[in-house]
Amino acid sequence: MAKRKRHKSTLARAEKIKALTALYYEAGNQAKCYKAVWRRWIEPEFGICYRTYLNMLGLEPEAGSQIINQLSIFDDI
């Protein structure tokens, strides 16, 4: 199955969600599980359901945004 192209705003929102999750999530701590992080931080700010939240955690950044710093053979060093 081919990958779908995502809008820039969706990718930016996913990155913000991943940053909040990295800040507040703790493995093994029920008070800071994914559901608790979604309930306390994600749902009030972004207004998305839990399933959408889990899908956004699985989104990978666009390939073009990661290769910005790669040198080209035409760049002057």
PDB file of N, CA and C in Angstrom:
ATOM      1  N   MET A   1       0.835  -1.162   0.000  1.00  0.00           N
ATOM      2  CA  MET A   1       0.000   0.000   0.000  1.00  0.00           C
ATOM      3  C   MET A   1       0.890   1.238   0.000  1.00  0.00           C
ATOM      4  N   ALA A   2       0.581   2.185  -0.831  1.00  0.00           N
ATOM      5  CA  ALA A   2       1.384   3.391  -0.945  1.00  0.00           C
ATOM      6  C   ALA A   2       1.129   4.316   0.243  1.00  0.00           C
ATOM      7  N   LYS A   3       2.166   5.045   0.631  1.00  0.00           N
ATOM      8  CA  LYS A   3       2.014   6.008   1.714  1.00  0.00           C
ATOM      9  C   LYS A   3       1.220   7.204   1.222  1.00  0.00           C
ATOM     10  N   ARG A   4       0.374   7.724   2.104  1.00  0.00           N
ATOM     11  CA  ARG A   4      -0.371   8.926   1.776  1.00  0.00           C
ATOM     12  C   ARG A   4       0.480  10.142   2.068  1.00  0.00           C
ATOM     13  N   LYS A   5       0.358  11.152   1.235  1.00  0.00           N
ATOM     14  CA  LYS A   5       1.051  12.391   1.498  1.00  0.00           C
ATOM     15  C   LYS A   5       0.243  13.172   2.532  1.00  0.00           C
ATOM     16  N   ARG A   6       0.903  13.662   3.546  1.00  0.00           N
ATOM     17  CA  ARG A   6       0.246  14.398   4.622  1.00  0.00           C
ATOM     18  C   ARG A   6       0.425  15.898   4.416  1.00  0.00           C
ATOM     19  N   HIS A   7      -0.540  16.666   4.874  1.00  0.00           N
ATOM     20  CA  HIS A   7      -0.432  18.118   4.836  1.00  0.00           C
ATOM     21  C   HIS A   7       0.610  18.577   5.849  1.00  0.00           C
ATOM     22  N   LYS A   8       1.228  19.723   5.583  1.00  0.00           N
ATOM     23  CA  LYS A   8       2.255  20.248   6.480  1.00  0.00           C
ATOM     24  C   LYS A   8       1.688  20.526   7.868  1.00  0.00           C
ATOM     25  N   SER A   9       0.448  21.023   7.927  1.00  0.00           N
ATOM     26  CA  SER A   9      -0.154  21.330   9.219  1.00  0.00           C
ATOM     27  C   SER A   9      -0.393  20.058  10.034  1.00  0.00           C
ATOM     28  N   THR A  10      -0.751  18.970   9.366  1.00  0.00           N
ATOM     29  CA  THR A  10      -0.956  17.699  10.067  1.00  0.00           C
ATOM     30  C   THR A  10       0.358  17.195  10.633  1.00  0.00           C
ATOM     31  N   LEU A  11       1.421  17.293   9.859  1.00  0.00           N
ATOM     32  CA  LEU A  11       2.732  16.851  10.335  1.00  0.00           C
ATOM     33  C   LEU A  11       3.227  17.722  11.478  1.00  0.00           C
ATOM     34  N   ALA A  12       2.967  19.030  11.401  1.00  0.00           N
ATOM     35  CA  ALA A  12       3.372  19.930  12.484  1.00  0.00           C
ATOM     36  C   ALA A  12       2.597  19.623  13.757  1.00  0.00           C
ATOM     37  N   ARG A  13       1.291  19.368  13.618  1.00  0.00           N
ATOM     38  CA  ARG A  13       0.474  19.021  14.780  1.00  0.00           C
ATOM     39  C   ARG A  13       0.935  17.697  15.390  1.00  0.00           C
ATOM     40  N   ALA A  14       1.291  16.739  14.538  1.00  0.00           N
ATOM     41  CA  ALA A  14       1.781  15.453  15.024  1.00  0.00           C
ATOM     42  C   ALA A  14       3.088  15.623  15.792  1.00  0.00           C
ATOM     43  N   GLU A  15       3.957  16.499  15.337  1.00  0.00           N
ATOM     44  CA  GLU A  15       5.218  16.743  16.040  1.00  0.00           C
ATOM     45  C   GLU A  15       4.968  17.378  17.406  1.00  0.00           C
ATOM     46  N   LYS A  16       4.006  18.303  17.498  1.00  0.00           N
ATOM     47  CA  LYS A  16       3.673  18.909  18.787  1.00  0.00           C
ATOM     48  C   LYS A  16       3.107  17.865  19.742  1.00  0.00           C
ATOM     49  N   ILE A  17       2.268  16.978  19.200  1.00  0.00           N
ATOM     50  CA  ILE A  17       1.676  15.917  20.011  1.00  0.00           C
ATOM     51  C   ILE A  17       2.755  14.956  20.500  1.00  0.00           C
ATOM     52  N   LYS A  18       3.689  14.614  19.650  1.00  0.00           N
ATOM     53  CA  LYS A  18       4.787  13.730  20.052  1.00  0.00           C
ATOM     54  C   LYS A  18       5.659  14.380  21.118  1.00  0.00           C
ATOM     55  N   ALA A  19       5.878  15.692  21.015  1.00  0.00           N
ATOM     56  CA  ALA A  19       6.683  16.397  22.006  1.00  0.00           C
ATOM     57  C   ALA A  19       5.992  16.402  23.367  1.00  0.00           C
ATOM     58  N   LEU A  20       4.682  16.666  23.382  1.00  0.00           N
ATOM     59  CA  LEU A  20       3.930  16.630  24.641  1.00  0.00           C
ATOM     60  C   LEU A  20       3.930  15.235  25.238  1.00  0.00           C
ATOM     61  N   THR A  21       3.783  14.228  24.394  1.00  0.00           N
ATOM     62  CA  THR A  21       3.778  12.849  24.880  1.00  0.00           C
ATOM     63  C   THR A  21       5.140  12.487  25.464  1.00  0.00           C
ATOM     64  N   ALA A  22       6.216  12.883  24.800  1.00  0.00           N
ATOM     65  CA  ALA A  22       7.557  12.590  25.306  1.00  0.00           C
ATOM     66  C   ALA A  22       7.792  13.275  26.653  1.00  0.00           C
ATOM     67  N   LEU A  23       7.170  14.426  26.842  1.00  0.00           N
ATOM     68  CA  LEU A  23       7.342  15.179  28.073  1.00  0.00           C
ATOM     69  C   LEU A  23       6.595  14.544  29.243  1.00  0.00           C
ATOM     70  N   TYR A  24       5.403  14.016  29.007  1.00  0.00           N
ATOM     71  CA  TYR A  24       4.544  13.569  30.105  1.00  0.00           C
ATOM     72  C   TYR A  24       4.365  12.056  30.219  1.00  0.00           C
ATOM     73  N   TYR A  25       4.708  11.274  29.225  1.00  0.00           N
ATOM     74  CA  TYR A  25       4.483   9.831  29.252  1.00  0.00           C
ATOM     75  C   TYR A  25       5.571   9.119  30.051  1.00  0.00           C
ATOM     76  N   GLU A  26       5.152   8.153  30.882  1.00  0.00           N
ATOM     77  CA  GLU A  26       6.093   7.278  31.586  1.00  0.00           C
ATOM     78  C   GLU A  26       5.615   5.842  31.430  1.00  0.00           C
ATOM     79  N   ALA A  27       6.462   4.991  30.911  1.00  0.00           N
ATOM     80  CA  ALA A  27       6.098   3.579  30.754  1.00  0.00           C
ATOM     81  C   ALA A  27       5.978   2.945  32.129  1.00  0.00           C
ATOM     82  N   GLY A  28       4.924   2.178  32.318  1.00  0.00           N
ATOM     83  CA  GLY A  28       4.726   1.472  33.574  1.00  0.00           C
ATOM     84  C   GLY A  28       4.020   2.270  34.649  1.00  0.00           C
ATOM     85  N   ASN A  29       3.820   3.545  34.453  1.00  0.00           N
ATOM     86  CA  ASN A  29       3.125   4.391  35.419  1.00  0.00           C
ATOM     87  C   ASN A  29       1.712   4.651  34.897  1.00  0.00           C
ATOM     88  N   GLN A  30       0.714   4.085  35.563  1.00  0.00           N
ATOM     89  CA  GLN A  30      -0.669   4.199  35.095  1.00  0.00           C
ATOM     90  C   GLN A  30      -1.167   5.641  35.111  1.00  0.00           C
ATOM     91  N   ALA A  31      -0.632   6.459  35.997  1.00  0.00           N
ATOM     92  CA  ALA A  31      -1.051   7.859  36.061  1.00  0.00           C
ATOM     93  C   ALA A  31      -0.495   8.674  34.896  1.00  0.00           C
ATOM     94  N   LYS A  32       0.504   8.113  34.188  1.00  0.00           N
ATOM     95  CA  LYS A  32       1.114   8.819  33.061  1.00  0.00           C
ATOM     96  C   LYS A  32       1.159   7.951  31.809  1.00  0.00           C
ATOM     97  N   CYS A  33       0.168   7.095  31.644  1.00  0.00           N
ATOM     98  CA  CYS A  33       0.079   6.256  30.456  1.00  0.00           C
ATOM     99  C   CYS A  33      -0.437   7.096  29.282  1.00  0.00           C
ATOM    100  N   TYR A  34      -0.498   6.503  28.092  1.00  0.00           N
ATOM    101  CA  TYR A  34      -0.961   7.243  26.917  1.00  0.00           C
ATOM    102  C   TYR A  34      -2.361   7.797  27.108  1.00  0.00           C
ATOM    103  N   LYS A  35      -3.247   7.007  27.703  1.00  0.00           N
ATOM    104  CA  LYS A  35      -4.624   7.445  27.907  1.00  0.00           C
ATOM    105  C   LYS A  35      -4.674   8.652  28.842  1.00  0.00           C
ATOM    106  N   ALA A  36      -3.870   8.633  29.901  1.00  0.00           N
ATOM    107  CA  ALA A  36      -3.840   9.750  30.846  1.00  0.00           C
ATOM    108  C   ALA A  36      -3.238  10.995  30.204  1.00  0.00           C
ATOM    109  N   VAL A  37      -2.201  10.828  29.412  1.00  0.00           N
ATOM    110  CA  VAL A  37      -1.589  11.970  28.715  1.00  0.00           C
ATOM    111  C   VAL A  37      -2.593  12.567  27.742  1.00  0.00           C
ATOM    112  N   TRP A  38      -3.304  11.714  27.018  1.00  0.00           N
ATOM    113  CA  TRP A  38      -4.326  12.200  26.086  1.00  0.00           C
ATOM    114  C   TRP A  38      -5.422  12.958  26.832  1.00  0.00           C
ATOM    115  N   ARG A  39      -5.903  12.376  27.930  1.00  0.00           N
ATOM    116  CA  ARG A  39      -7.006  12.976  28.680  1.00  0.00           C
ATOM    117  C   ARG A  39      -6.617  14.322  29.283  1.00  0.00           C
ATOM    118  N   ARG A  40      -5.392  14.415  29.816  1.00  0.00           N
ATOM    119  CA  ARG A  40      -4.975  15.622  30.547  1.00  0.00           C
ATOM    120  C   ARG A  40      -4.420  16.718  29.643  1.00  0.00           C
ATOM    121  N   TRP A  41      -3.666  16.349  28.592  1.00  0.00           N
ATOM    122  CA  TRP A  41      -2.935  17.357  27.822  1.00  0.00           C
ATOM    123  C   TRP A  41      -3.369  17.461  26.365  1.00  0.00           C
ATOM    124  N   ILE A  42      -3.585  16.342  25.700  1.00  0.00           N
ATOM    125  CA  ILE A  42      -3.812  16.355  24.251  1.00  0.00           C
ATOM    126  C   ILE A  42      -5.247  16.741  23.908  1.00  0.00           C
ATOM    127  N   GLU A  43      -6.230  16.075  24.511  1.00  0.00           N
ATOM    128  CA  GLU A  43      -7.628  16.299  24.151  1.00  0.00           C
ATOM    129  C   GLU A  43      -8.091  17.738  24.412  1.00  0.00           C
ATOM    130  N   PRO A  44      -7.734  18.357  25.542  1.00  0.00           N
ATOM    131  CA  PRO A  44      -8.168  19.746  25.733  1.00  0.00           C
ATOM    132  C   PRO A  44      -7.533  20.731  24.750  1.00  0.00           C
ATOM    133  N   GLU A  45      -6.294  20.494  24.374  1.00  0.00           N
ATOM    134  CA  GLU A  45      -5.603  21.439  23.488  1.00  0.00           C
ATOM    135  C   GLU A  45      -5.936  21.226  22.015  1.00  0.00           C
ATOM    136  N   PHE A  46      -5.969  19.979  21.569  1.00  0.00           N
ATOM    137  CA  PHE A  46      -6.150  19.689  20.153  1.00  0.00           C
ATOM    138  C   PHE A  46      -7.561  19.228  19.797  1.00  0.00           C
ATOM    139  N   GLY A  47      -8.328  18.757  20.772  1.00  0.00           N
ATOM    140  CA  GLY A  47      -9.704  18.335  20.524  1.00  0.00           C
ATOM    141  C   GLY A  47      -9.814  17.112  19.631  1.00  0.00           C
ATOM    142  N   ILE A  48      -8.903  16.166  19.776  1.00  0.00           N
ATOM    143  CA  ILE A  48      -8.941  14.953  18.956  1.00  0.00           C
ATOM    144  C   ILE A  48      -9.287  13.759  19.839  1.00  0.00           C
ATOM    145  N   CYS A  49      -9.832  12.720  19.222  1.00  0.00           N
ATOM    146  CA  CYS A  49     -10.186  11.518  19.977  1.00  0.00           C
ATOM    147  C   CYS A  49      -8.916  10.691  20.252  1.00  0.00           C
ATOM    148  N   TYR A  50      -9.071   9.705  21.123  1.00  0.00           N
ATOM    149  CA  TYR A  50      -7.939   8.880  21.537  1.00  0.00           C
ATOM    150  C   TYR A  50      -7.352   8.097  20.363  1.00  0.00           C
ATOM    151  N   ARG A  51      -8.206   7.584  19.506  1.00  0.00           N
ATOM    152  CA  ARG A  51      -7.740   6.805  18.353  1.00  0.00           C
ATOM    153  C   ARG A  51      -6.911   7.680  17.407  1.00  0.00           C
ATOM    154  N   THR A  52      -7.339   8.907  17.177  1.00  0.00           N
ATOM    155  CA  THR A  52      -6.583   9.836  16.337  1.00  0.00           C
ATOM    156  C   THR A  52      -5.234  10.157  16.975  1.00  0.00           C
ATOM    157  N   TYR A  53      -5.243  10.303  18.293  1.00  0.00           N
ATOM    158  CA  TYR A  53      -4.003  10.547  19.033  1.00  0.00           C
ATOM    159  C   TYR A  53      -3.004   9.418  18.812  1.00  0.00           C
ATOM    160  N   LEU A  54      -3.470   8.179  18.924  1.00  0.00           N
ATOM    161  CA  LEU A  54      -2.576   7.039  18.702  1.00  0.00           C
ATOM    162  C   LEU A  54      -2.089   6.994  17.258  1.00  0.00           C
ATOM    163  N   ASN A  55      -2.949   7.337  16.316  1.00  0.00           N
ATOM    164  CA  ASN A  55      -2.529   7.373  14.911  1.00  0.00           C
ATOM    165  C   ASN A  55      -1.467   8.443  14.682  1.00  0.00           C
ATOM    166  N   MET A  56      -1.612   9.595  15.325  1.00  0.00           N
ATOM    167  CA  MET A  56      -0.635  10.673  15.150  1.00  0.00           C
ATOM    168  C   MET A  56       0.714  10.306  15.753  1.00  0.00           C
ATOM    169  N   LEU A  57       0.704   9.512  16.816  1.00  0.00           N
ATOM    170  CA  LEU A  57       1.977   9.060  17.382  1.00  0.00           C
ATOM    171  C   LEU A  57       2.727   8.168  16.398  1.00  0.00           C
ATOM    172  N   GLY A  58       1.995   7.490  15.529  1.00  0.00           N
ATOM    173  CA  GLY A  58       2.605   6.593  14.561  1.00  0.00           C
ATOM    174  C   GLY A  58       3.028   7.266  13.271  1.00  0.00           C
ATOM    175  N   LEU A  59       2.648   8.542  13.071  1.00  0.00           N
ATOM    176  CA  LEU A  59       3.035   9.241  11.848  1.00  0.00           C
ATOM    177  C   LEU A  59       4.527   9.510  11.849  1.00  0.00           C
ATOM    178  N   GLU A  60       5.139   9.255  10.730  1.00  0.00           N
ATOM    179  CA  GLU A  60       6.555   9.550  10.593  1.00  0.00           C
ATOM    180  C   GLU A  60       6.707  10.891   9.897  1.00  0.00           C
ATOM    181  N   PRO A  61       7.745  11.643  10.235  1.00  0.00           N
ATOM    182  CA  PRO A  61       7.941  12.930   9.579  1.00  0.00           C
ATOM    183  C   PRO A  61       8.174  12.749   8.087  1.00  0.00           C
ATOM    184  N   GLU A  62       7.849  13.775   7.347  1.00  0.00           N
ATOM    185  CA  GLU A  62       8.008  13.726   5.898  1.00  0.00           C
ATOM    186  C   GLU A  62       9.484  13.543   5.549  1.00  0.00           C
ATOM    187  N   ALA A  63       9.770  12.738   4.550  1.00  0.00           N
ATOM    188  CA  ALA A  63      11.157  12.419   4.190  1.00  0.00           C
ATOM    189  C   ALA A  63      11.927  13.666   3.770  1.00  0.00           C
ATOM    190  N   GLY A  64      11.286  14.597   3.123  1.00  0.00           N
ATOM    191  CA  GLY A  64      11.958  15.812   2.671  1.00  0.00           C
ATOM    192  C   GLY A  64      12.413  16.698   3.806  1.00  0.00           C
ATOM    193  N   SER A  65      11.718  16.670   4.929  1.00  0.00           N
ATOM    194  CA  SER A  65      12.093  17.539   6.038  1.00  0.00           C
ATOM    195  C   SER A  65      13.321  17.017   6.783  1.00  0.00           C
ATOM    196  N   GLN A  66      13.617  15.743   6.683  1.00  0.00           N
ATOM    197  CA  GLN A  66      14.768  15.182   7.385  1.00  0.00           C
ATOM    198  C   GLN A  66      16.067  15.370   6.605  1.00  0.00           C
ATOM    199  N   ILE A  67      16.010  15.547   5.326  1.00  0.00           N
ATOM    200  CA  ILE A  67      17.213  15.592   4.502  1.00  0.00           C
ATOM    201  C   ILE A  67      17.597  17.036   4.162  1.00  0.00           C
ATOM    202  N   ILE A  68      17.139  17.985   4.920  1.00  0.00           N
ATOM    203  CA  ILE A  68      17.416  19.388   4.638  1.00  0.00           C
ATOM    204  C   ILE A  68      18.906  19.685   4.739  1.00  0.00           C
ATOM    205  N   ASN A  69      19.583  19.109   5.701  1.00  0.00           N
ATOM    206  CA  ASN A  69      20.991  19.417   5.941  1.00  0.00           C
ATOM    207  C   ASN A  69      21.951  18.547   5.142  1.00  0.00           C
ATOM    208  N   GLN A  70      21.450  17.691   4.281  1.00  0.00           N
ATOM    209  CA  GLN A  70      22.322  16.828   3.506  1.00  0.00           C
ATOM    210  C   GLN A  70      23.024  17.642   2.426  1.00  0.00           C
ATOM    211  N   LEU A  71      24.310  17.421   2.284  1.00  0.00           N
ATOM    212  CA  LEU A  71      25.088  18.133   1.281  1.00  0.00           C
ATOM    213  C   LEU A  71      24.763  17.627  -0.120  1.00  0.00           C
ATOM    214  N   SER A  72      24.874  18.507  -1.061  1.00  0.00           N
ATOM    215  CA  SER A  72      24.665  18.159  -2.448  1.00  0.00           C
ATOM    216  C   SER A  72      26.016  18.255  -3.164  1.00  0.00           C
ATOM    217  N   ILE A  73      26.136  17.579  -4.283  1.00  0.00           N
ATOM    218  CA  ILE A  73      27.401  17.658  -5.020  1.00  0.00           C
ATOM    219  C   ILE A  73      27.585  19.037  -5.650  1.00  0.00           C
ATOM    220  N   PHE A  74      26.490  19.812  -5.678  1.00  0.00           N
ATOM    221  CA  PHE A  74      26.571  21.148  -6.277  1.00  0.00           C
ATOM    222  C   PHE A  74      26.782  22.243  -5.251  1.00  0.00           C
ATOM    223  N   ASP A  75      26.788  21.905  -3.956  1.00  0.00           N
ATOM    224  CA  ASP A  75      27.011  22.905  -2.907  1.00  0.00           C
ATOM    225  C   ASP A  75      28.488  23.259  -2.839  1.00  0.00           C
ATOM    226  N   ASP A  76      28.763  24.530  -2.598  1.00  0.00           N
ATOM    227  CA  ASP A  76      30.137  24.951  -2.358  1.00  0.00           C
ATOM    228  C   ASP A  76      30.473  24.703  -0.899  1.00  0.00           C
ATOM    229  N   ILE A  77      31.597  24.077  -0.683  1.00  0.00           N
ATOM    230  CA  ILE A  77      31.986  23.744   0.694  1.00  0.00           C
ATOM    231  C   ILE A  77      32.765  24.832   1.312  1.00  0.00           C
TER     232      ILE A  77
END
